Amino acid sequence: MQPKRYTYLIKFQYLGFRYHGWQQQPDVKTLEGRVRKTLKFVFEGKKFNVISAGRTDALVSVEQTYIQLFTYHELEKDFLSLLNQNLPPDLRALSLEEREIKFNIIQHPKWKEYLYFFAFPEKIHPFAAPFMANISKDLDLDLMRACAKKFEGEKDFYSYTFRPTLHTITLGEIKTCEIIENTYFQASFFPEKLHVLKVVGKGFKRNQIRLMMGMLIDLGSKEKSVDFFEDTLEGKNKLKLEHIAPASGLILNKVELV
C-alpha cells in the first residue's frame, strides 16, 4: 500500500544577486539547490520533492512566487517558522497552504508580473547594482513608452525568444506593458529618477523580458528604428535579436494563480 502523499504551496521571495538562477546545477550556487539543502536538513532525511512556478536566470530577484512541495508526511504547524530559521538571509518563505495532490503549479494557469528597473545616463551608486540596470547613454523615454505598449496582446514572440528551435512554442499573451516611474522600492542610494518596465502576461519565454528591454533601449538610443521594431512583432519574419538587457534589473514581482 502506497503511503499518503501531501502537497503544499509555499509563497517565496528572494534576492537573486548571489545565485546562478533558480534551477539546480552542478558546481554553482543556485536557489533550488539552497532550498533543497535546507529542506533536507529540516526533514531530517525524509523524502520530498519541489517544483517552482517558473525558473529565473542568474542575478534575477523575486518579490513573490510559488514553490510546490511534495511530501509523504503532514507538515507541523511550526514548519514555516522552522524553514525560515534555516534558510539563508536572502531567501524568505512568506506563507504555506496545503493543496490537493492533483494540483501542479507548473501546469496551472497563471499571470506573471515582471518589473525591469533602469536608470540613465549618470552612474548609479554601487549599492544599487543588484536592483537595476545602469544605461550609460541618453534615452528617448517618450518613444520607449509608446513602443512598449505595442508588445501588448496575443503575438508570436519569435524574436523575443532566446534560441528558439523548430519545436519551441513562441506564441504568448501580454496583458500589460508600460514604462512607469518607480514607486515599488525605495532606498537612500537609489538614483533620483528610476524607471520601470512593467510587463504582465502568460507563457513568457527564456530571456523574453530582457530581449524586450534590449529592444526598447535600442529604440530609445536611436540604434534601432520603429519600423524594424514593428517587424520583430511579426513572428513570421524570423528576426533574431542579440541585445539581452542585463539581468540585475529584472524582478519577478508576483505570480497570480488564475
C-alpha atoms as a PDB file:
ATOM      1  CA  MET A   1       0.000   0.000   0.000  1.00  0.00           C
ATOM      2  CA  GLN A   2       1.375   3.371  -1.059  1.00  0.00           C
ATOM      3  CA  PRO A   3       1.826   5.936   1.732  1.00  0.00           C
ATOM      4  CA  LYS A   4      -0.356   9.025   1.564  1.00  0.00           C
ATOM      5  CA  ARG A   5       1.137  11.962  -0.332  1.00  0.00           C
ATOM      6  CA  TYR A   6       0.755  15.603   0.615  1.00  0.00           C
ATOM      7  CA  THR A   7       1.450  18.740  -1.367  1.00  0.00           C
ATOM      8  CA  TYR A   8       1.841  22.347  -0.240  1.00  0.00           C
ATOM      9  CA  LEU A   9       2.226  25.722  -1.899  1.00  0.00           C
ATOM     10  CA  ILE A  10       4.924  27.884  -0.339  1.00  0.00           C
ATOM     11  CA  LYS A  11       4.975  31.555  -1.254  1.00  0.00           C
ATOM     12  CA  PHE A  12       8.612  32.630  -1.579  1.00  0.00           C
ATOM     13  CA  GLN A  13      10.746  35.712  -2.201  1.00  0.00           C
ATOM     14  CA  TYR A  14      14.482  36.044  -2.715  1.00  0.00           C
ATOM     15  CA  LEU A  15      17.361  38.264  -3.752  1.00  0.00           C
ATOM     16  CA  GLY A  16      18.984  36.548  -6.717  1.00  0.00           C
ATOM     17  CA  PHE A  17      22.189  38.590  -6.977  1.00  0.00           C
ATOM     18  CA  ARG A  18      24.409  35.879  -5.417  1.00  0.00           C
ATOM     19  CA  TYR A  19      22.860  32.963  -7.304  1.00  0.00           C
ATOM     20  CA  HIS A  20      23.206  31.340 -10.704  1.00  0.00           C
ATOM     21  CA  GLY A  21      19.440  31.266 -11.250  1.00  0.00           C
ATOM     22  CA  TRP A  22      16.748  29.000  -9.807  1.00  0.00           C
ATOM     23  CA  GLN A  23      17.442  25.633 -11.444  1.00  0.00           C
ATOM     24  CA  GLN A  24      19.845  23.346  -9.607  1.00  0.00           C
ATOM     25  CA  GLN A  25      23.144  22.868 -11.440  1.00  0.00           C
ATOM     26  CA  PRO A  26      26.435  21.205 -10.519  1.00  0.00           C
ATOM     27  CA  ASP A  27      29.320  23.334  -9.185  1.00  0.00           C
ATOM     28  CA  VAL A  28      27.376  26.638  -8.982  1.00  0.00           C
ATOM     29  CA  LYS A  29      25.207  28.189  -6.287  1.00  0.00           C
ATOM     30  CA  THR A  30      21.522  28.098  -7.245  1.00  0.00           C
ATOM     31  CA  LEU A  31      18.308  28.929  -5.419  1.00  0.00           C
ATOM     32  CA  GLU A  32      16.805  25.484  -5.956  1.00  0.00           C
ATOM     33  CA  GLY A  33      19.960  23.936  -4.581  1.00  0.00           C
ATOM     34  CA  ARG A  34      19.801  26.111  -1.478  1.00  0.00           C
ATOM     35  CA  VAL A  35      16.087  25.359  -0.925  1.00  0.00           C
ATOM     36  CA  ARG A  36      16.611  21.609  -1.339  1.00  0.00           C
ATOM     37  CA  LYS A  37      19.579  21.649   1.045  1.00  0.00           C
ATOM     38  CA  THR A  38      17.521  23.471   3.672  1.00  0.00           C
ATOM     39  CA  LEU A  39      14.530  21.128   3.304  1.00  0.00           C
ATOM     40  CA  LYS A  40      16.778  18.089   3.543  1.00  0.00           C
ATOM     41  CA  PHE A  41      18.062  19.401   6.871  1.00  0.00           C
ATOM     42  CA  VAL A  42      14.597  20.337   8.184  1.00  0.00           C
ATOM     43  CA  PHE A  43      13.064  16.991   7.145  1.00  0.00           C
ATOM     44  CA  GLU A  44      15.989  15.026   8.617  1.00  0.00           C
ATOM     45  CA  GLY A  45      16.303  12.752   5.605  1.00  0.00           C
ATOM     46  CA  LYS A  46      12.591  12.208   4.868  1.00  0.00           C
ATOM     47  CA  LYS A  47      11.666  12.037   1.187  1.00  0.00           C
ATOM     48  CA  PHE A  48      10.361  15.162  -0.554  1.00  0.00           C
ATOM     49  CA  ASN A  49      10.369  16.942  -3.904  1.00  0.00           C
ATOM     50  CA  VAL A  50       9.932  20.563  -5.013  1.00  0.00           C
ATOM     51  CA  ILE A  51       8.943  22.291  -8.233  1.00  0.00           C
ATOM     52  CA  SER A  52       8.590  26.013  -8.889  1.00  0.00           C
ATOM     53  CA  ALA A  53       6.161  28.304 -10.718  1.00  0.00           C
ATOM     54  CA  GLY A  54       8.995  29.180 -13.087  1.00  0.00           C
ATOM     55  CA  ARG A  55      12.756  29.410 -13.449  1.00  0.00           C
ATOM     56  CA  THR A  56      14.674  32.636 -13.028  1.00  0.00           C
ATOM     57  CA  ASP A  57      18.008  33.476 -14.631  1.00  0.00           C
ATOM     58  CA  ALA A  58      21.222  34.260 -12.796  1.00  0.00           C
ATOM     59  CA  LEU A  59      21.062  37.518 -10.759  1.00  0.00           C
ATOM     60  CA  VAL A  60      17.270  37.829 -11.148  1.00  0.00           C
ATOM     61  CA  SER A  61      15.343  38.514  -7.916  1.00  0.00           C
ATOM     62  CA  VAL A  62      11.772  37.654  -6.928  1.00  0.00           C
ATOM     63  CA  GLU A  63       9.355  39.614  -4.769  1.00  0.00           C
ATOM     64  CA  GLN A  64       6.713  36.848  -4.784  1.00  0.00           C
ATOM     65  CA  THR A  65       6.477  33.434  -6.411  1.00  0.00           C
ATOM     66  CA  TYR A  66       5.384  29.912  -5.521  1.00  0.00           C
ATOM     67  CA  ILE A  67       7.231  26.705  -4.820  1.00  0.00           C
ATOM     68  CA  GLN A  68       5.280  23.449  -4.608  1.00  0.00           C
ATOM     69  CA  LEU A  69       6.428  20.906  -2.047  1.00  0.00           C
ATOM     70  CA  PHE A  70       5.565  17.183  -2.206  1.00  0.00           C
ATOM     71  CA  THR A  71       5.970  15.015   0.909  1.00  0.00           C
ATOM     72  CA  TYR A  72       4.829  11.707   2.402  1.00  0.00           C
ATOM     73  CA  HIS A  73       4.043  13.277   5.772  1.00  0.00           C
ATOM     74  CA  GLU A  74       1.823  16.080   7.026  1.00  0.00           C
ATOM     75  CA  LEU A  75       3.657  19.254   7.985  1.00  0.00           C
ATOM     76  CA  GLU A  76       3.657  20.554  11.537  1.00  0.00           C
ATOM     77  CA  LYS A  77       2.154  23.959  12.365  1.00  0.00           C
ATOM     78  CA  ASP A  78       5.590  25.471  13.030  1.00  0.00           C
ATOM     79  CA  PHE A  79       7.060  24.276   9.711  1.00  0.00           C
ATOM     80  CA  LEU A  80       7.122  27.746   8.093  1.00  0.00           C
ATOM     81  CA  SER A  81       8.959  29.239  11.053  1.00  0.00           C
ATOM     82  CA  LEU A  82      11.426  26.345  11.121  1.00  0.00           C
ATOM     83  CA  LEU A  83      12.044  26.690   7.379  1.00  0.00           C
ATOM     84  CA  ASN A  84      12.788  30.421   7.673  1.00  0.00           C
ATOM     85  CA  GLN A  85      15.140  29.835  10.584  1.00  0.00           C
ATOM     86  CA  ASN A  86      17.298  27.641   8.368  1.00  0.00           C
ATOM     87  CA  LEU A  87      17.095  29.473   5.029  1.00  0.00           C
ATOM     88  CA  PRO A  88      19.879  31.983   4.244  1.00  0.00           C
ATOM     89  CA  PRO A  89      19.049  35.690   4.761  1.00  0.00           C
ATOM     90  CA  ASP A  90      18.414  36.305   1.053  1.00  0.00           C
ATOM     91  CA  LEU A  91      15.526  33.785   0.899  1.00  0.00           C
ATOM     92  CA  ARG A  92      12.242  34.013   2.810  1.00  0.00           C
ATOM     93  CA  ALA A  93       9.110  31.854   2.898  1.00  0.00           C
ATOM     94  CA  LEU A  94       6.024  34.061   3.202  1.00  0.00           C
ATOM     95  CA  SER A  95       3.133  31.632   3.571  1.00  0.00           C
ATOM     96  CA  LEU A  96       2.142  27.977   3.346  1.00  0.00           C
ATOM     97  CA  GLU A  97      -1.076  26.279   2.248  1.00  0.00           C
ATOM     98  CA  GLU A  98      -1.993  22.674   1.580  1.00  0.00           C
ATOM     99  CA  ARG A  99      -3.384  21.773  -1.872  1.00  0.00           C
ATOM    100  CA  GLU A 100      -4.986  18.700  -3.405  1.00  0.00           C
ATOM    101  CA  ILE A 101      -2.392  16.211  -4.597  1.00  0.00           C
ATOM    102  CA  LYS A 102      -3.549  16.575  -8.224  1.00  0.00           C
ATOM    103  CA  PHE A 103      -2.584  20.284  -8.218  1.00  0.00           C
ATOM    104  CA  ASN A 104       0.540  21.157 -10.243  1.00  0.00           C
ATOM    105  CA  ILE A 105       1.987  24.667 -10.101  1.00  0.00           C
ATOM    106  CA  ILE A 106       3.739  24.297 -13.476  1.00  0.00           C
ATOM    107  CA  GLN A 107       0.588  23.319 -15.371  1.00  0.00           C
ATOM    108  CA  HIS A 108      -1.811  25.621 -13.510  1.00  0.00           C
ATOM    109  CA  PRO A 109      -2.682  28.813 -15.466  1.00  0.00           C
ATOM    110  CA  LYS A 110      -1.162  31.945 -14.006  1.00  0.00           C
ATOM    111  CA  TRP A 111      -0.324  35.571 -14.743  1.00  0.00           C
ATOM    112  CA  LYS A 112       3.203  36.787 -14.038  1.00  0.00           C
ATOM    113  CA  GLU A 113       4.174  40.387 -13.399  1.00  0.00           C
ATOM    114  CA  TYR A 114       7.771  41.329 -14.160  1.00  0.00           C
ATOM    115  CA  LEU A 115       9.468  44.627 -13.365  1.00  0.00           C
ATOM    116  CA  TYR A 116      12.651  45.836 -15.030  1.00  0.00           C
ATOM    117  CA  PHE A 117      14.353  48.733 -13.220  1.00  0.00           C
ATOM    118  CA  PHE A 118      16.691  51.028 -15.118  1.00  0.00           C
ATOM    119  CA  ALA A 119      18.380  54.408 -14.716  1.00  0.00           C
ATOM    120  CA  PHE A 120      20.272  56.591 -17.191  1.00  0.00           C
ATOM    121  CA  PRO A 121      22.674  58.138 -18.078  1.00  0.00           C
ATOM    122  CA  GLU A 122      24.501  59.021 -14.839  1.00  0.00           C
ATOM    123  CA  LYS A 123      26.457  56.377 -12.986  1.00  0.00           C
ATOM    124  CA  ILE A 124      24.443  54.853 -10.154  1.00  0.00           C
ATOM    125  CA  HIS A 125      25.597  54.175  -6.590  1.00  0.00           C
ATOM    126  CA  PRO A 126      27.359  50.772  -6.434  1.00  0.00           C
ATOM    127  CA  PHE A 127      24.967  49.610  -3.689  1.00  0.00           C
ATOM    128  CA  ALA A 128      22.115  49.859  -6.226  1.00  0.00           C
ATOM    129  CA  ALA A 129      23.738  47.442  -8.698  1.00  0.00           C
ATOM    130  CA  PRO A 130      21.766  44.329  -7.602  1.00  0.00           C
ATOM    131  CA  PHE A 131      18.447  46.060  -8.259  1.00  0.00           C
ATOM    132  CA  MET A 132      18.728  47.976 -11.515  1.00  0.00           C
ATOM    133  CA  ALA A 133      20.434  48.338 -14.870  1.00  0.00           C
ATOM    134  CA  ASN A 134      22.531  51.426 -15.475  1.00  0.00           C
ATOM    135  CA  ILE A 135      22.281  52.611 -19.100  1.00  0.00           C
ATOM    136  CA  SER A 136      25.191  54.932 -19.873  1.00  0.00           C
ATOM    137  CA  LYS A 137      23.503  56.782 -22.741  1.00  0.00           C
ATOM    138  CA  ASP A 138      20.633  59.201 -23.201  1.00  0.00           C
ATOM    139  CA  LEU A 139      17.288  57.580 -23.981  1.00  0.00           C
ATOM    140  CA  ASP A 140      14.114  58.876 -25.579  1.00  0.00           C
ATOM    141  CA  LEU A 141      11.674  57.803 -22.873  1.00  0.00           C
ATOM    142  CA  ASP A 142       8.593  59.020 -24.721  1.00  0.00           C
ATOM    143  CA  LEU A 143       9.439  56.823 -27.717  1.00  0.00           C
ATOM    144  CA  MET A 144      10.189  53.870 -25.435  1.00  0.00           C
ATOM    145  CA  ARG A 145       6.841  54.287 -23.653  1.00  0.00           C
ATOM    146  CA  ALA A 146       4.945  54.369 -26.946  1.00  0.00           C
ATOM    147  CA  CYS A 147       6.726  51.289 -28.283  1.00  0.00           C
ATOM    148  CA  ALA A 148       6.335  49.339 -25.032  1.00  0.00           C
ATOM    149  CA  LYS A 149       2.548  49.429 -25.432  1.00  0.00           C
ATOM    150  CA  LYS A 150       2.910  47.708 -28.828  1.00  0.00           C
ATOM    151  CA  PHE A 151       4.024  44.499 -27.080  1.00  0.00           C
ATOM    152  CA  GLU A 152       0.522  44.098 -25.634  1.00  0.00           C
ATOM    153  CA  GLY A 153      -1.835  41.424 -26.969  1.00  0.00           C
ATOM    154  CA  GLU A 154      -1.517  37.889 -28.314  1.00  0.00           C
ATOM    155  CA  LYS A 155       1.532  37.642 -30.561  1.00  0.00           C
ATOM    156  CA  ASP A 156       4.182  35.354 -31.961  1.00  0.00           C
ATOM    157  CA  PHE A 157       7.212  36.404 -29.895  1.00  0.00           C
ATOM    158  CA  TYR A 158       9.737  34.501 -32.009  1.00  0.00           C
ATOM    159  CA  SER A 159      12.166  37.443 -31.995  1.00  0.00           C
ATOM    160  CA  TYR A 160      11.881  37.674 -28.201  1.00  0.00           C
ATOM    161  CA  THR A 161      12.597  34.003 -27.554  1.00  0.00           C
ATOM    162  CA  PHE A 162      16.182  33.037 -26.750  1.00  0.00           C
ATOM    163  CA  ARG A 163      17.487  30.496 -29.290  1.00  0.00           C
ATOM    164  CA  PRO A 164      14.125  29.101 -30.428  1.00  0.00           C
ATOM    165  CA  THR A 165      14.069  25.699 -32.091  1.00  0.00           C
ATOM    166  CA  LEU A 166      11.575  24.234 -34.549  1.00  0.00           C
ATOM    167  CA  HIS A 167       9.642  22.829 -31.573  1.00  0.00           C
ATOM    168  CA  THR A 168       9.631  25.983 -29.417  1.00  0.00           C
ATOM    169  CA  ILE A 169       6.176  27.466 -28.847  1.00  0.00           C
ATOM    170  CA  THR A 170       6.698  31.188 -29.402  1.00  0.00           C
ATOM    171  CA  LEU A 171       3.074  32.319 -29.129  1.00  0.00           C
ATOM    172  CA  GLY A 172       2.254  34.284 -25.996  1.00  0.00           C
ATOM    173  CA  GLU A 173       0.000  36.894 -24.464  1.00  0.00           C
ATOM    174  CA  ILE A 174       0.963  40.156 -22.780  1.00  0.00           C
ATOM    175  CA  LYS A 175      -1.806  41.940 -20.896  1.00  0.00           C
ATOM    176  CA  THR A 176       0.183  44.988 -19.776  1.00  0.00           C
ATOM    177  CA  CYS A 177       3.449  46.501 -20.982  1.00  0.00           C
ATOM    178  CA  GLU A 178       4.331  50.016 -19.891  1.00  0.00           C
ATOM    179  CA  ILE A 179       7.214  52.161 -18.705  1.00  0.00           C
ATOM    180  CA  ILE A 180       6.451  53.999 -15.466  1.00  0.00           C
ATOM    181  CA  GLU A 181       8.310  55.823 -12.700  1.00  0.00           C
ATOM    182  CA  ASN A 182       9.451  53.727  -9.741  1.00  0.00           C
ATOM    183  CA  THR A 183       7.076  53.588  -6.789  1.00  0.00           C
ATOM    184  CA  TYR A 184       7.871  49.999  -5.803  1.00  0.00           C
ATOM    185  CA  PHE A 185      11.121  50.104  -3.843  1.00  0.00           C
ATOM    186  CA  GLN A 186      12.986  52.925  -2.130  1.00  0.00           C
ATOM    187  CA  ALA A 187      16.498  53.295  -0.755  1.00  0.00           C
ATOM    188  CA  SER A 188      18.708  56.272   0.086  1.00  0.00           C
ATOM    189  CA  PHE A 189      21.264  55.153  -2.522  1.00  0.00           C
ATOM    190  CA  PHE A 190      18.747  54.819  -5.387  1.00  0.00           C
ATOM    191  CA  PRO A 191      19.007  57.465  -8.137  1.00  0.00           C
ATOM    192  CA  GLU A 192      16.512  60.301  -8.036  1.00  0.00           C
ATOM    193  CA  LYS A 193      14.991  59.158 -11.337  1.00  0.00           C
ATOM    194  CA  LEU A 194      14.411  55.432 -11.592  1.00  0.00           C
ATOM    195  CA  HIS A 195      12.241  53.958 -14.350  1.00  0.00           C
ATOM    196  CA  VAL A 196      10.417  50.635 -14.520  1.00  0.00           C
ATOM    197  CA  LEU A 197       9.283  48.477 -17.425  1.00  0.00           C
ATOM    198  CA  LYS A 198       6.212  46.653 -16.104  1.00  0.00           C
ATOM    199  CA  VAL A 199       5.097  43.552 -18.014  1.00  0.00           C
ATOM    200  CA  VAL A 200       2.142  41.305 -17.124  1.00  0.00           C
ATOM    201  CA  GLY A 201       1.482  38.206 -19.191  1.00  0.00           C
ATOM    202  CA  LYS A 202       1.300  34.451 -19.637  1.00  0.00           C
ATOM    203  CA  GLY A 203       3.774  31.964 -21.031  1.00  0.00           C
ATOM    204  CA  PHE A 204       6.980  34.004 -21.027  1.00  0.00           C
ATOM    205  CA  LYS A 205       9.939  32.543 -22.896  1.00  0.00           C
ATOM    206  CA  ARG A 206      13.521  32.356 -21.709  1.00  0.00           C
ATOM    207  CA  ASN A 207      15.071  35.867 -21.633  1.00  0.00           C
ATOM    208  CA  GLN A 208      11.900  37.351 -23.164  1.00  0.00           C
ATOM    209  CA  ILE A 209      11.669  40.369 -20.845  1.00  0.00           C
ATOM    210  CA  ARG A 210      15.387  41.103 -21.214  1.00  0.00           C
ATOM    211  CA  LEU A 211      15.149  40.874 -25.018  1.00  0.00           C
ATOM    212  CA  MET A 212      12.152  43.227 -24.928  1.00  0.00           C
ATOM    213  CA  MET A 213      14.079  45.645 -22.724  1.00  0.00           C
ATOM    214  CA  GLY A 214      17.112  45.401 -25.003  1.00  0.00           C
ATOM    215  CA  MET A 215      14.952  46.398 -27.955  1.00  0.00           C
ATOM    216  CA  LEU A 216      13.444  49.329 -26.035  1.00  0.00           C
ATOM    217  CA  ILE A 217      16.932  50.542 -25.095  1.00  0.00           C
ATOM    218  CA  ASP A 218      17.981  50.329 -28.749  1.00  0.00           C
ATOM    219  CA  LEU A 219      14.885  52.316 -29.731  1.00  0.00           C
ATOM    220  CA  GLY A 220      15.480  54.916 -27.037  1.00  0.00           C
ATOM    221  CA  SER A 221      19.096  55.382 -28.101  1.00  0.00           C
ATOM    222  CA  LYS A 222      18.115  55.508 -31.818  1.00  0.00           C
ATOM    223  CA  GLU A 223      20.163  52.406 -32.612  1.00  0.00           C
ATOM    224  CA  LYS A 224      17.074  50.661 -34.000  1.00  0.00           C
ATOM    225  CA  SER A 225      14.184  52.133 -35.986  1.00  0.00           C
ATOM    226  CA  VAL A 226      10.490  51.869 -35.144  1.00  0.00           C
ATOM    227  CA  ASP A 227       9.941  50.107 -38.493  1.00  0.00           C
ATOM    228  CA  PHE A 228      12.456  47.409 -37.558  1.00  0.00           C
ATOM    229  CA  PHE A 229      10.859  47.068 -34.122  1.00  0.00           C
ATOM    230  CA  GLU A 230       7.412  46.565 -35.626  1.00  0.00           C
ATOM    231  CA  ASP A 231       8.831  43.885 -37.929  1.00  0.00           C
ATOM    232  CA  THR A 232      10.049  41.971 -34.843  1.00  0.00           C
ATOM    233  CA  LEU A 233       6.458  41.781 -33.600  1.00  0.00           C
ATOM    234  CA  GLU A 234       5.590  39.564 -36.570  1.00  0.00           C
ATOM    235  CA  GLY A 235       6.948  36.130 -35.725  1.00  0.00           C
ATOM    236  CA  LYS A 236       6.796  35.036 -39.360  1.00  0.00           C
ATOM    237  CA  ASN A 237       9.698  37.425 -40.113  1.00  0.00           C
ATOM    238  CA  LYS A 238      12.037  35.223 -38.002  1.00  0.00           C
ATOM    239  CA  LEU A 239      14.201  38.162 -36.939  1.00  0.00           C
ATOM    240  CA  LYS A 240      16.763  37.210 -34.305  1.00  0.00           C
ATOM    241  CA  LEU A 241      17.796  39.765 -31.680  1.00  0.00           C
ATOM    242  CA  GLU A 242      21.091  39.814 -29.812  1.00  0.00           C
ATOM    243  CA  HIS A 243      20.707  42.649 -27.301  1.00  0.00           C
ATOM    244  CA  ILE A 244      19.755  40.995 -23.998  1.00  0.00           C
ATOM    245  CA  ALA A 245      19.462  43.625 -21.267  1.00  0.00           C
ATOM    246  CA  PRO A 246      21.409  42.949 -18.024  1.00  0.00           C
ATOM    247  CA  ALA A 247      19.793  40.510 -15.603  1.00  0.00           C
ATOM    248  CA  SER A 248      20.317  42.618 -12.491  1.00  0.00           C
ATOM    249  CA  GLY A 249      17.432  44.980 -13.327  1.00  0.00           C
ATOM    250  CA  LEU A 250      14.829  42.213 -13.566  1.00  0.00           C
ATOM    251  CA  ILE A 251      12.459  41.250 -10.743  1.00  0.00           C
ATOM    252  CA  LEU A 252       9.591  38.789 -10.847  1.00  0.00           C
ATOM    253  CA  ASN A 253       7.175  40.897  -8.829  1.00  0.00           C
ATOM    254  CA  LYS A 254       4.308  38.450  -8.410  1.00  0.00           C
ATOM    255  CA  VAL A 255       2.674  35.285  -9.667  1.00  0.00           C
ATOM    256  CA  GLU A 256      -1.119  35.305  -9.723  1.00  0.00           C
ATOM    257  CA  LEU A 257      -2.888  31.955  -9.945  1.00  0.00           C
ATOM    258  CA  VAL A 258      -5.930  32.034 -12.237  1.00  0.00           C
END
